[in-house]
C-alpha atoms as a PDB file:
ATOM      1  CA  MET A   1      56.655 -33.434 -37.389  1.00  0.00           C
ATOM      2  CA  TYR A   2      54.624 -30.443 -36.335  1.00  0.00           C
ATOM      3  CA  GLY A   3      54.948 -26.991 -37.834  1.00  0.00           C
ATOM      4  CA  LEU A   4      55.046 -28.128 -41.481  1.00  0.00           C
ATOM      5  CA  ASN A   5      52.510 -25.575 -42.663  1.00  0.00           C
ATOM      6  CA  PRO A   6      54.505 -22.759 -44.303  1.00  0.00           C
ATOM      7  CA  ILE A   7      51.561 -20.382 -44.799  1.00  0.00           C
ATOM      8  CA  SER A   8      51.682 -17.135 -42.824  1.00  0.00           C
ATOM      9  CA  PRO A   9      48.420 -15.687 -41.640  1.00  0.00           C
ATOM     10  CA  ASN A  10      47.588 -12.363 -43.262  1.00  0.00           C
ATOM     11  CA  GLU A  11      44.312 -11.489 -41.556  1.00  0.00           C
ATOM     12  CA  GLU A  12      45.676  -8.776 -39.201  1.00  0.00           C
ATOM     13  CA  ARG A  13      47.323  -6.933 -42.139  1.00  0.00           C
ATOM     14  CA  ASN A  14      44.045  -7.235 -44.063  1.00  0.00           C
ATOM     15  CA  LYS A  15      42.114  -5.493 -41.242  1.00  0.00           C
ATOM     16  CA  THR A  16      44.744  -2.792 -40.771  1.00  0.00           C
ATOM     17  CA  LEU A  17      44.911  -2.117 -44.508  1.00  0.00           C
ATOM     18  CA  ILE A  18      41.150  -1.820 -44.904  1.00  0.00           C
ATOM     19  CA  LEU A  19      40.968   0.519 -41.898  1.00  0.00           C
ATOM     20  CA  PHE A  20      43.617   2.825 -43.361  1.00  0.00           C
ATOM     21  CA  PHE A  21      41.919   2.735 -46.743  1.00  0.00           C
ATOM     22  CA  ARG A  22      38.682   3.946 -45.221  1.00  0.00           C
ATOM     23  CA  ILE A  23      40.392   6.787 -43.331  1.00  0.00           C
ATOM     24  CA  TYR A  24      42.283   7.799 -46.483  1.00  0.00           C
ATOM     25  CA  LEU A  25      39.120   7.842 -48.571  1.00  0.00           C
ATOM     26  CA  ILE A  26      37.406  10.166 -46.108  1.00  0.00           C
ATOM     27  CA  LEU A  27      40.418  12.444 -46.310  1.00  0.00           C
ATOM     28  CA  LEU A  28      40.287  12.314 -50.155  1.00  0.00           C
ATOM     29  CA  ALA A  29      36.615  13.225 -50.237  1.00  0.00           C
ATOM     30  CA  PHE A  30      37.280  16.362 -48.211  1.00  0.00           C
ATOM     31  CA  CYS A  31      40.345  17.158 -50.394  1.00  0.00           C
ATOM     32  CA  ALA A  32      38.253  16.770 -53.628  1.00  0.00           C
ATOM     33  CA  PHE A  33      35.677  19.148 -52.231  1.00  0.00           C
ATOM     34  CA  LEU A  34      38.286  21.836 -51.494  1.00  0.00           C
ATOM     35  CA  GLU A  35      39.831  21.401 -54.963  1.00  0.00           C
ATOM     36  CA  PHE A  36      36.511  21.911 -56.712  1.00  0.00           C
ATOM     37  CA  VAL A  37      35.740  24.899 -54.541  1.00  0.00           C
ATOM     38  CA  THR A  38      39.160  26.439 -55.315  1.00  0.00           C
ATOM     39  CA  ALA A  39      38.675  25.826 -59.086  1.00  0.00           C
ATOM     40  CA  ALA A  40      35.254  27.523 -58.833  1.00  0.00           C
ATOM     41  CA  SER A  41      36.719  30.526 -56.996  1.00  0.00           C
ATOM     42  CA  PHE A  42      39.336  31.066 -59.734  1.00  0.00           C
ATOM     43  CA  SER A  43      36.624  30.811 -62.418  1.00  0.00           C
ATOM     44  CA  GLY A  44      34.699  33.743 -60.776  1.00  0.00           C
ATOM     45  CA  SER A  45      31.565  31.749 -60.019  1.00  0.00           C
ATOM     46  CA  LEU A  46      32.248  32.056 -56.271  1.00  0.00           C
ATOM     47  CA  ASP A  47      33.325  35.692 -55.710  1.00  0.00           C
ATOM     48  CA  LEU A  48      32.453  35.767 -52.044  1.00  0.00           C
ATOM     49  CA  LEU A  49      35.038  33.218 -51.032  1.00  0.00           C
ATOM     50  CA  ASP A  50      38.492  34.151 -49.871  1.00  0.00           C
ATOM     51  CA  THR A  51      40.716  32.429 -52.449  1.00  0.00           C
ATOM     52  CA  THR A  52      43.852  32.818 -50.355  1.00  0.00           C
ATOM     53  CA  LYS A  53      42.379  30.976 -47.438  1.00  0.00           C
ATOM     54  CA  ILE A  54      41.028  28.250 -49.724  1.00  0.00           C
ATOM     55  CA  ILE A  55      44.499  27.706 -51.248  1.00  0.00           C
ATOM     56  CA  LEU A  56      45.984  27.572 -47.725  1.00  0.00           C
ATOM     57  CA  GLY A  57      43.397  24.953 -46.765  1.00  0.00           C
ATOM     58  CA  VAL A  58      44.140  22.901 -49.877  1.00  0.00           C
ATOM     59  CA  THR A  59      47.890  23.070 -49.177  1.00  0.00           C
ATOM     60  CA  ILE A  60      47.436  21.878 -45.571  1.00  0.00           C
ATOM     61  CA  ILE A  61      45.108  19.064 -46.507  1.00  0.00           C
ATOM     62  CA  SER A  62      47.523  18.024 -49.341  1.00  0.00           C
ATOM     63  CA  VAL A  63      50.387  17.669 -46.844  1.00  0.00           C
ATOM     64  CA  ILE A  64      48.202  15.521 -44.588  1.00  0.00           C
ATOM     65  CA  ARG A  65      47.104  13.556 -47.626  1.00  0.00           C
ATOM     66  CA  LEU A  66      50.762  12.897 -48.621  1.00  0.00           C
ATOM     67  CA  ILE A  67      51.573  11.537 -45.174  1.00  0.00           C
ATOM     68  CA  ALA A  68      48.480   9.337 -45.115  1.00  0.00           C
ATOM     69  CA  TYR A  69      49.271   8.130 -48.635  1.00  0.00           C
ATOM     70  CA  LEU A  70      52.801   7.077 -47.727  1.00  0.00           C
ATOM     71  CA  THR A  71      51.576   5.205 -44.627  1.00  0.00           C
ATOM     72  CA  LEU A  72      48.874   3.464 -46.669  1.00  0.00           C
ATOM     73  CA  ALA A  73      51.367   2.536 -49.408  1.00  0.00           C
ATOM     74  CA  ILE A  74      53.739   0.922 -46.859  1.00  0.00           C
ATOM     75  CA  ILE A  75      50.911  -1.140 -45.299  1.00  0.00           C
ATOM     76  CA  PHE A  76      49.594  -2.147 -48.739  1.00  0.00           C
ATOM     77  CA  ILE A  77      52.937  -3.327 -49.996  1.00  0.00           C
ATOM     78  CA  MET A  78      53.531  -5.316 -46.787  1.00  0.00           C
ATOM     79  CA  TRP A  79      50.147  -6.994 -47.236  1.00  0.00           C
ATOM     80  CA  MET A  80      50.805  -7.696 -50.919  1.00  0.00           C
ATOM     81  CA  ARG A  81      54.278  -9.121 -50.235  1.00  0.00           C
ATOM     82  CA  ARG A  82      52.959 -11.600 -47.640  1.00  0.00           C
ATOM     83  CA  ALA A  83      50.068 -12.696 -49.883  1.00  0.00           C
ATOM     84  CA  TYR A  84      52.431 -13.338 -52.798  1.00  0.00           C
ATOM     85  CA  ASN A  85      54.972 -14.999 -50.500  1.00  0.00           C
ATOM     86  CA  ASN A  86      52.265 -17.393 -49.259  1.00  0.00           C
ATOM     87  CA  VAL A  87      51.438 -18.677 -52.687  1.00  0.00           C
ATOM     88  CA  HIS A  88      55.172 -19.168 -53.285  1.00  0.00           C
ATOM     89  CA  LYS A  89      55.553 -21.172 -50.093  1.00  0.00           C
ATOM     90  CA  ALA A  90      52.494 -23.227 -51.016  1.00  0.00           C
ATOM     91  CA  GLY A  91      54.322 -24.344 -54.162  1.00  0.00           C
ATOM     92  CA  TYR A  92      51.839 -22.900 -56.654  1.00  0.00           C
ATOM     93  CA  PRO A  93      53.211 -23.548 -60.161  1.00  0.00           C
ATOM     94  CA  ASN A  94      53.677 -21.133 -63.031  1.00  0.00           C
ATOM     95  CA  LEU A  95      54.284 -18.006 -60.955  1.00  0.00           C
ATOM     96  CA  ARG A  96      55.961 -15.487 -63.201  1.00  0.00           C
ATOM     97  CA  HIS A  97      57.984 -13.540 -60.626  1.00  0.00           C
ATOM     98  CA  LYS A  98      59.800 -14.077 -57.339  1.00  0.00           C
ATOM     99  CA  GLU A  99      58.131 -13.023 -54.146  1.00  0.00           C
ATOM    100  CA  GLY A 100      60.422  -9.997 -53.781  1.00  0.00           C
ATOM    101  CA  TRP A 101      58.851  -8.362 -56.814  1.00  0.00           C
ATOM    102  CA  ALA A 102      55.633  -7.926 -54.890  1.00  0.00           C
ATOM    103  CA  SER A 103      57.284  -4.957 -53.181  1.00  0.00           C
ATOM    104  CA  GLY A 104      60.092  -4.146 -55.574  1.00  0.00           C
ATOM    105  CA  ALA A 105      57.839  -3.768 -58.630  1.00  0.00           C
ATOM    106  CA  TRP A 106      56.415  -0.531 -57.240  1.00  0.00           C
ATOM    107  CA  PHE A 107      59.781   1.261 -57.209  1.00  0.00           C
ATOM    108  CA  VAL A 108      61.261   0.339 -60.553  1.00  0.00           C
ATOM    109  CA  PRO A 109      60.442   2.961 -63.309  1.00  0.00           C
ATOM    110  CA  PHE A 110      58.291   1.657 -66.204  1.00  0.00           C
ATOM    111  CA  VAL A 111      58.117  -1.753 -64.528  1.00  0.00           C
ATOM    112  CA  ASN A 112      55.687  -0.255 -62.014  1.00  0.00           C
ATOM    113  CA  LEU A 113      53.245   0.516 -64.831  1.00  0.00           C
ATOM    114  CA  GLY A 114      52.249  -3.147 -65.304  1.00  0.00           C
ATOM    115  CA  ARG A 115      54.005  -5.658 -63.068  1.00  0.00           C
ATOM    116  CA  PRO A 116      52.076  -4.876 -59.809  1.00  0.00           C
ATOM    117  CA  VAL A 117      48.754  -5.736 -61.436  1.00  0.00           C
ATOM    118  CA  ILE A 118      50.246  -8.982 -62.896  1.00  0.00           C
ATOM    119  CA  ILE A 119      51.355 -10.016 -59.414  1.00  0.00           C
ATOM    120  CA  MET A 120      47.966  -9.025 -57.963  1.00  0.00           C
ATOM    121  CA  ARG A 121      46.196 -11.152 -60.581  1.00  0.00           C
ATOM    122  CA  GLU A 122      48.489 -14.109 -59.685  1.00  0.00           C
ATOM    123  CA  ILE A 123      47.630 -13.663 -56.012  1.00  0.00           C
ATOM    124  CA  TRP A 124      43.931 -13.567 -56.908  1.00  0.00           C
ATOM    125  CA  ASN A 125      44.064 -16.795 -58.939  1.00  0.00           C
ATOM    126  CA  ALA A 126      46.594 -18.709 -56.854  1.00  0.00           C
ATOM    127  CA  THR A 127      44.795 -18.365 -53.571  1.00  0.00           C
ATOM    128  CA  GLN A 128      41.752 -20.106 -55.165  1.00  0.00           C
ATOM    129  CA  HIS A 129      43.787 -22.979 -56.585  1.00  0.00           C
ATOM    130  CA  THR A 130      46.296 -23.816 -53.863  1.00  0.00           C
ATOM    131  CA  PHE A 131      45.894 -26.974 -51.838  1.00  0.00           C
ATOM    132  CA  ARG A 132      42.969 -28.166 -53.845  1.00  0.00           C
ATOM    133  CA  ARG A 133      42.657 -31.941 -54.096  1.00  0.00           C
ATOM    134  CA  GLN A 134      43.479 -33.578 -57.398  1.00  0.00           C
ATOM    135  CA  GLY A 135      40.342 -33.546 -59.535  1.00  0.00           C
ATOM    136  CA  GLU A 136      38.389 -31.279 -57.188  1.00  0.00           C
ATOM    137  CA  THR A 137      36.163 -28.809 -58.934  1.00  0.00           C
ATOM    138  CA  PHE A 138      35.406 -25.287 -57.709  1.00  0.00           C
ATOM    139  CA  GLU A 139      33.891 -22.102 -58.893  1.00  0.00           C
ATOM    140  CA  LYS A 140      36.675 -19.776 -60.065  1.00  0.00           C
ATOM    141  CA  THR A 141      36.124 -16.170 -59.139  1.00  0.00           C
ATOM    142  CA  GLU A 142      36.903 -13.974 -62.142  1.00  0.00           C
ATOM    143  CA  ASP A 143      39.791 -11.501 -61.798  1.00  0.00           C
ATOM    144  CA  ASN A 144      38.282  -8.595 -63.734  1.00  0.00           C
ATOM    145  CA  ILE A 145      38.322  -6.637 -60.493  1.00  0.00           C
ATOM    146  CA  THR A 146      42.114  -6.416 -60.615  1.00  0.00           C
ATOM    147  CA  GLY A 147      41.976  -4.759 -64.057  1.00  0.00           C
ATOM    148  CA  SER A 148      39.381  -2.222 -62.932  1.00  0.00           C
ATOM    149  CA  TRP A 149      41.463  -1.389 -59.828  1.00  0.00           C
ATOM    150  CA  TRP A 150      44.607  -0.845 -61.824  1.00  0.00           C
ATOM    151  CA  THR A 151      42.920   1.195 -64.572  1.00  0.00           C
ATOM    152  CA  LEU A 152      41.493   3.692 -62.032  1.00  0.00           C
ATOM    153  CA  PHE A 153      44.797   3.802 -60.194  1.00  0.00           C
ATOM    154  CA  LEU A 154      46.687   4.794 -63.380  1.00  0.00           C
ATOM    155  CA  LEU A 155      43.927   7.247 -64.351  1.00  0.00           C
ATOM    156  CA  SER A 156      44.058   8.947 -60.998  1.00  0.00           C
ATOM    157  CA  ASN A 157      47.831   9.319 -61.124  1.00  0.00           C
ATOM    158  CA  PHE A 158      47.695  10.596 -64.706  1.00  0.00           C
ATOM    159  CA  ALA A 159      45.036  13.268 -63.883  1.00  0.00           C
ATOM    160  CA  THR A 160      46.999  14.325 -60.742  1.00  0.00           C
ATOM    161  CA  GLN A 161      50.179  14.764 -62.752  1.00  0.00           C
ATOM    162  CA  ILE A 162      48.363  16.905 -65.346  1.00  0.00           C
ATOM    163  CA  GLY A 163      46.876  19.008 -62.595  1.00  0.00           C
ATOM    164  CA  SER A 164      50.316  19.589 -61.083  1.00  0.00           C
ATOM    165  CA  TYR A 165      51.723  20.587 -64.489  1.00  0.00           C
ATOM    166  CA  LEU A 166      48.871  23.096 -65.017  1.00  0.00           C
ATOM    167  CA  LEU A 167      49.346  24.579 -61.549  1.00  0.00           C
ATOM    168  CA  ARG A 168      53.012  25.122 -62.241  1.00  0.00           C
ATOM    169  CA  ASP A 169      51.977  27.096 -65.364  1.00  0.00           C
ATOM    170  CA  ARG A 170      49.581  29.146 -63.213  1.00  0.00           C
ATOM    171  CA  GLU A 171      46.518  27.627 -64.854  1.00  0.00           C
ATOM    172  CA  TYR A 172      44.813  27.470 -61.482  1.00  0.00           C
ATOM    173  CA  GLU A 173      41.283  26.780 -62.569  1.00  0.00           C
ATOM    174  CA  ALA A 174      42.145  23.913 -64.925  1.00  0.00           C
ATOM    175  CA  GLY A 175      44.850  22.637 -62.581  1.00  0.00           C
ATOM    176  CA  TYR A 176      42.589  22.290 -59.514  1.00  0.00           C
ATOM    177  CA  THR A 177      39.866  20.840 -61.701  1.00  0.00           C
ATOM    178  CA  MET A 178      42.154  18.072 -62.994  1.00  0.00           C
ATOM    179  CA  ALA A 179      43.439  17.545 -59.425  1.00  0.00           C
ATOM    180  CA  ALA A 180      39.851  17.041 -58.230  1.00  0.00           C
ATOM    181  CA  ILE A 181      39.115  14.582 -61.106  1.00  0.00           C
ATOM    182  CA  GLY A 182      42.243  12.619 -60.136  1.00  0.00           C
ATOM    183  CA  THR A 183      41.116  12.549 -56.492  1.00  0.00           C
ATOM    184  CA  ILE A 184      37.661  11.297 -57.397  1.00  0.00           C
ATOM    185  CA  ALA A 185      39.214   8.566 -59.608  1.00  0.00           C
ATOM    186  CA  TYR A 186      41.401   7.520 -56.716  1.00  0.00           C
ATOM    187  CA  ILE A 187      38.332   7.376 -54.392  1.00  0.00           C
ATOM    188  CA  LEU A 188      36.635   4.942 -56.861  1.00  0.00           C
ATOM    189  CA  CYS A 189      39.920   3.015 -57.041  1.00  0.00           C
ATOM    190  CA  GLY A 190      39.960   2.833 -53.247  1.00  0.00           C
ATOM    191  CA  PHE A 191      36.445   1.399 -53.061  1.00  0.00           C
ATOM    192  CA  ILE A 192      37.390  -1.285 -55.616  1.00  0.00           C
ATOM    193  CA  ALA A 193      40.650  -1.962 -53.710  1.00  0.00           C
ATOM    194  CA  ILE A 194      38.743  -2.463 -50.402  1.00  0.00           C
ATOM    195  CA  ASN A 195      36.441  -4.892 -52.173  1.00  0.00           C
ATOM    196  CA  MET A 196      39.353  -6.705 -53.726  1.00  0.00           C
ATOM    197  CA  ILE A 197      41.241  -6.964 -50.486  1.00  0.00           C
ATOM    198  CA  LYS A 198      38.238  -8.362 -48.637  1.00  0.00           C
ATOM    199  CA  ARG A 199      37.646 -11.041 -51.267  1.00  0.00           C
ATOM    200  CA  ILE A 200      41.327 -12.007 -51.356  1.00  0.00           C
ATOM    201  CA  SER A 201      41.240 -12.149 -47.532  1.00  0.00           C
ATOM    202  CA  ARG A 202      38.353 -14.665 -47.687  1.00  0.00           C
ATOM    203  CA  MET A 203      40.295 -16.695 -50.246  1.00  0.00           C
ATOM    204  CA  GLU A 204      43.418 -16.653 -48.049  1.00  0.00           C
ATOM    205  CA  THR A 205      41.429 -17.811 -45.049  1.00  0.00           C
ATOM    206  CA  ALA A 206      40.032 -20.726 -47.078  1.00  0.00           C
ATOM    207  CA  MET A 207      43.484 -21.471 -48.432  1.00  0.00           C
ATOM    208  CA  LEU A 208      44.955 -21.527 -44.931  1.00  0.00           C
ATOM    209  CA  GLY A 209      42.228 -23.975 -43.811  1.00  0.00           C
ATOM    210  CA  ARG A 210      42.983 -26.261 -46.773  1.00  0.00           C
ATOM    211  CA  ALA A 211      46.737 -26.086 -45.971  1.00  0.00           C
ATOM    212  CA  ASP A 212      46.119 -27.057 -42.365  1.00  0.00           C
ATOM    213  CA  GLN A 213      44.080 -30.057 -43.438  1.00  0.00           C
ATOM    214  CA  TYR A 214      46.694 -31.032 -46.036  1.00  0.00           C
ATOM    215  CA  TYR A 215      49.650 -30.888 -43.645  1.00  0.00           C
ATOM    216  CA  GLU A 216      47.756 -32.738 -40.946  1.00  0.00           C
ATOM    217  CA  TRP A 217      47.090 -35.464 -43.504  1.00  0.00           C
ATOM    218  CA  LEU A 218      50.721 -35.310 -44.617  1.00  0.00           C
ATOM    219  CA  THR A 219      51.973 -35.669 -41.063  1.00  0.00           C
ATOM    220  CA  HIS A 220      49.662 -38.611 -40.573  1.00  0.00           C
ATOM    221  CA  GLN A 221      50.984 -40.275 -43.730  1.00  0.00           C
ATOM    222  CA  GLN A 222      54.619 -39.696 -42.660  1.00  0.00           C
ATOM    223  CA  ALA A 223      53.917 -41.324 -39.290  1.00  0.00           C
ATOM    224  CA  ILE A 224      52.251 -44.320 -40.884  1.00  0.00           C
ATOM    225  CA  GLN A 225      55.068 -44.887 -43.473  1.00  0.00           C
ATOM    226  CA  TYR A 226      57.734 -44.348 -40.870  1.00  0.00           C
ATOM    227  CA  GLN A 227      56.139 -46.971 -38.644  1.00  0.00           C
ATOM    228  CA  LEU A 228      55.805 -49.451 -41.505  1.00  0.00           C
ATOM    229  CA  GLN A 229      59.401 -48.870 -42.549  1.00  0.00           C
ATOM    230  CA  GLN A 230      60.668 -49.345 -39.023  1.00  0.00           C
ATOM    231  CA  ASN A 231      58.718 -52.584 -38.616  1.00  0.00           C
ATOM    232  CA  ALA A 232      60.007 -53.863 -41.925  1.00  0.00           C
ATOM    233  CA  ASN A 233      63.685 -52.987 -41.383  1.00  0.00           C
ATOM    234  CA  PRO A 234      64.410 -51.721 -37.880  1.00  0.00           C
ATOM    235  CA  GLU A 235      68.185 -51.488 -38.415  1.00  0.00           C
ATOM    236  CA  ASN A 236      67.942 -49.006 -41.283  1.00  0.00           C
ATOM    237  CA  ALA A 237      64.798 -47.192 -40.249  1.00  0.00           C
ATOM    238  CA  LEU A 238      66.701 -44.192 -38.815  1.00  0.00           C
ATOM    239  CA  GLN A 239      69.130 -43.814 -41.732  1.00  0.00           C
ATOM    240  CA  PRO A 240      68.873 -40.461 -43.586  1.00  0.00           C
ATOM    241  CA  GLU A 241      68.537 -42.119 -46.998  1.00  0.00           C
ATOM    242  CA  ASN A 242      65.307 -43.787 -45.787  1.00  0.00           C
ATOM    243  CA  SER A 243      63.651 -40.517 -44.743  1.00  0.00           C
ATOM    244  CA  ILE A 244      60.104 -39.807 -45.916  1.00  0.00           C
ATOM    245  CA  TYR A 245      59.703 -36.687 -48.057  1.00  0.00           C
ATOM    246  CA  PRO A 246      56.366 -35.027 -48.905  1.00  0.00           C
ATOM    247  CA  GLU A 247      56.893 -35.226 -52.686  1.00  0.00           C
ATOM    248  CA  ASN A 248      57.025 -39.069 -52.471  1.00  0.00           C
ATOM    249  CA  LEU A 249      53.660 -39.304 -50.790  1.00  0.00           C
ATOM    250  CA  ARG A 250      50.464 -39.871 -52.675  1.00  0.00           C
ATOM    251  CA  GLN A 251      47.762 -37.222 -52.711  1.00  0.00           C
ATOM    252  CA  PRO A 252      44.588 -37.875 -50.682  1.00  0.00           C
ATOM    253  CA  TYR A 253      41.592 -39.343 -52.560  1.00  0.00           C
ATOM    254  CA  PRO A 254      38.434 -37.277 -52.697  1.00  0.00           C
ATOM    255  CA  GLY A 255      36.648 -39.832 -50.489  1.00  0.00           C
ATOM    256  CA  GLU A 256      39.213 -39.870 -47.695  1.00  0.00           C
ATOM    257  CA  GLN A 257      38.179 -38.609 -44.295  1.00  0.00           C
ATOM    258  CA  ASN A 258      39.582 -35.200 -43.654  1.00  0.00           C
ATOM    259  CA  ASN A 259      38.405 -34.434 -40.149  1.00  0.00           C
ATOM    260  CA  SER A 260      41.128 -32.291 -38.550  1.00  0.00           C
ATOM    261  CA  GLN A 261      40.474 -33.430 -34.952  1.00  0.00           C
ATOM    262  CA  ASP A 262      40.491 -37.187 -35.777  1.00  0.00           C
ATOM    263  CA  ASN A 263      43.666 -36.776 -37.888  1.00  0.00           C
ATOM    264  CA  LEU A 264      45.380 -34.872 -35.056  1.00  0.00           C
ATOM    265  CA  LEU A 265      44.500 -37.505 -32.477  1.00  0.00           C
ATOM    266  CA  SER A 266      45.662 -40.257 -34.783  1.00  0.00           C
ATOM    267  CA  VAL A 267      49.003 -38.433 -35.378  1.00  0.00           C
ATOM    268  CA  ILE A 268      49.526 -37.984 -31.621  1.00  0.00           C
ATOM    269  CA  ARG A 269      48.951 -41.690 -31.052  1.00  0.00           C
ATOM    270  CA  ASP A 270      51.348 -42.646 -33.864  1.00  0.00           C
ATOM    271  CA  ILE A 271      54.067 -40.306 -32.603  1.00  0.00           C
ATOM    272  CA  THR A 272      53.667 -41.529 -29.028  1.00  0.00           C
ATOM    273  CA  GLN A 273      54.018 -45.161 -30.187  1.00  0.00           C
ATOM    274  CA  LEU A 274      57.088 -44.261 -32.187  1.00  0.00           C
ATOM    275  CA  GLU A 275      58.745 -42.617 -29.205  1.00  0.00           C
ATOM    276  CA  THR A 276      57.946 -45.640 -27.003  1.00  0.00           C
ATOM    277  CA  ASP A 277      59.495 -47.991 -29.621  1.00  0.00           C
ATOM    278  CA  MET A 278      62.578 -45.816 -29.994  1.00  0.00           C
ATOM    279  CA  MET A 279      63.424 -45.587 -26.268  1.00  0.00           C
ATOM    280  CA  PRO A 280      64.996 -49.157 -25.895  1.00  0.00           C
ATOM    281  CA  GLN A 281      67.023 -48.625 -29.042  1.00  0.00           C
ATOM    282  CA  SER A 282      68.313 -45.302 -27.715  1.00  0.00           C
ATOM    283  CA  LYS A 283      69.379 -46.823 -24.387  1.00  0.00           C
ATOM    284  CA  GLU A 284      71.193 -49.703 -26.117  1.00  0.00           C
ATOM    285  CA  TYR A 285      72.994 -47.263 -28.435  1.00  0.00           C
ATOM    286  CA  TYR A 286      74.210 -44.993 -25.670  1.00  0.00           C
ATOM    287  CA  ALA A 287      75.344 -48.002 -23.560  1.00  0.00           C
ATOM    288  CA  TRP A 288      77.309 -49.297 -26.579  1.00  0.00           C
ATOM    289  CA  PHE A 289      78.718 -45.780 -27.229  1.00  0.00           C
ATOM    290  CA  ILE A 290      79.948 -45.429 -23.601  1.00  0.00           C
ATOM    291  CA  GLN A 291      81.599 -48.862 -23.740  1.00  0.00           C
ATOM    292  CA  GLN A 292      83.403 -47.944 -26.970  1.00  0.00           C
ATOM    293  CA  GLN A 293      84.725 -44.776 -25.427  1.00  0.00           C
ATOM    294  CA  ALA A 294      85.965 -46.671 -22.379  1.00  0.00           C
ATOM    295  CA  GLU A 295      87.753 -49.246 -24.522  1.00  0.00           C
ATOM    296  CA  GLN A 296      89.397 -46.495 -26.585  1.00  0.00           C
ATOM    297  CA  ASN A 297      90.563 -44.754 -23.378  1.00  0.00           C
ATOM    298  CA  GLN A 298      92.080 -47.976 -22.091  1.00  0.00           C
ATOM    299  CA  GLN A 299      93.925 -48.611 -25.386  1.00  0.00           C
ATOM    300  CA  GLN A 300      95.283 -45.056 -25.394  1.00  0.00           C
ATOM    301  CA  HIS A 301      96.463 -45.398 -21.765  1.00  0.00           C
ATOM    302  CA  ALA A 302      98.145 -48.728 -22.461  1.00  0.00           C
ATOM    303  CA  THR A 303      99.936 -47.242 -25.551  1.00  0.00           C
ATOM    304  CA  VAL A 304     101.248 -44.349 -23.495  1.00  0.00           C
ATOM    305  CA  LYS A 305     102.385 -46.680 -20.755  1.00  0.00           C
ATOM    306  CA  ASN A 306     104.321 -48.854 -23.183  1.00  0.00           C
ATOM    307  CA  GLN A 307     106.043 -45.852 -24.691  1.00  0.00           C
ATOM    308  CA  ASN A 308     107.044 -44.518 -21.299  1.00  0.00           C
ATOM    309  CA  SER A 309     108.460 -47.947 -20.176  1.00  0.00           C
ATOM    310  CA  ASN A 310     111.061 -47.860 -22.997  1.00  0.00           C
ATOM    311  CA  THR A 311     112.547 -44.581 -21.749  1.00  0.00           C
ATOM    312  CA  ASN A 312     114.430 -43.459 -18.669  1.00  0.00           C
ATOM    313  CA  HIS A 313     111.923 -40.777 -17.776  1.00  0.00           C
ATOM    314  CA  PHE A 314     110.485 -40.618 -14.311  1.00  0.00           C
ATOM    315  CA  GLN A 315     107.388 -42.799 -13.989  1.00  0.00           C
ATOM    316  CA  PRO A 316     104.460 -41.165 -12.132  1.00  0.00           C
ATOM    317  CA  GLU A 317     103.198 -44.624 -11.074  1.00  0.00           C
ATOM    318  CA  ASN A 318     106.406 -45.388  -9.047  1.00  0.00           C
ATOM    319  CA  PRO A 319     107.623 -42.138  -7.564  1.00  0.00           C
ATOM    320  CA  ALA A 320     110.991 -42.188  -5.688  1.00  0.00           C
ATOM    321  CA  PRO A 321     110.616 -41.288  -1.944  1.00  0.00           C
ATOM    322  CA  PRO A 322     112.128 -37.893  -1.072  1.00  0.00           C
ATOM    323  CA  LYS A 323     115.373 -37.804   0.888  1.00  0.00           C
ATOM    324  CA  SER A 324     115.250 -36.592   4.432  1.00  0.00           C
ATOM    325  CA  ASN A 325     117.262 -33.478   3.674  1.00  0.00           C
ATOM    326  CA  GLU A 326     115.514 -32.768   0.411  1.00  0.00           C
ATOM    327  CA  ASP A 327     113.415 -29.648   0.106  1.00  0.00           C
ATOM    328  CA  ASN A 328     109.813 -30.636  -0.531  1.00  0.00           C
ATOM    329  CA  ASN A 329     108.721 -27.318  -1.761  1.00  0.00           C
ATOM    330  CA  SER A 330     106.979 -28.051  -5.143  1.00  0.00           C
ATOM    331  CA  GLN A 331     108.109 -24.826  -6.760  1.00  0.00           C
ATOM    332  CA  ASP A 332     111.814 -25.325  -5.803  1.00  0.00           C
ATOM    333  CA  ASN A 333     111.817 -28.965  -6.849  1.00  0.00           C
ATOM    334  CA  PHE A 334     110.389 -28.031 -10.248  1.00  0.00           C
ATOM    335  CA  TYR A 335     113.279 -25.672 -11.046  1.00  0.00           C
ATOM    336  CA  LYS A 336     116.086 -27.909  -9.684  1.00  0.00           C
ATOM    337  CA  PRO A 337     118.106 -29.917 -12.279  1.00  0.00           C
END
């Protein structure tokens, strides 16, 4: 009865993701500074700087930025997939997409323009609702932060693409300026993302605590109903059609005691009593099973014996004694007619 809780902890991924976000934001700040300096050098306002060295520095930092971005994207998608998978496992209703879309939506053209933020909004709302008791009120945290995060994310990508297009046309001043604007927009997006991830992490921790309490209560209810069913009808208590399923159990009332330690001790006592009650039945069953096997073996042996008695074949029970001059070698006797 243990191990019913399907929710997977996501705390370690939260910490790793926030750490990589902070490192990436520091790298972006340095990159934005170099892009503004490069744009200023091409405009002629900074004649003393070596433009070639600045461009080389921007190129090197851009390569490092790309590697860091890919690493951060992988960690973010893994975190988002687990968060969305948890609300699916918890049975939250009205989810618009399957859990696989939490990662797949980022790689499908045009779909990746809107579906990731829809899934993020569902994660934001579902982690607040899941495993709440019926009729329980709570303060819903608004999800405006997801819209701000996604708007800045799209703006940063749009500005970066324009900057790349201008640089290909050798419009260096405008190109590096747009690239710097895109980098700054992504820095703002990163700060909002860190705040959003922290708040979702707190919601997930609270949801996991509510899930533990719910499944402890559910296990306790299963043990009680199983015991009552066994006492009422011991012969059919172990039949599969009489099994207890979670959807048939009532929800806990708001006034019920929900202390985890007391519930766990009560469950342990119930399970121990069930095991004690089942031991005599198990011994009787296996004794009956062995007796049935022995009777079947005797019947099969008697049937074979009767069949052999109607033939002229040699009977193993009454072997003829060997003659004095007969070769007793087993291999030679086997091949003699």
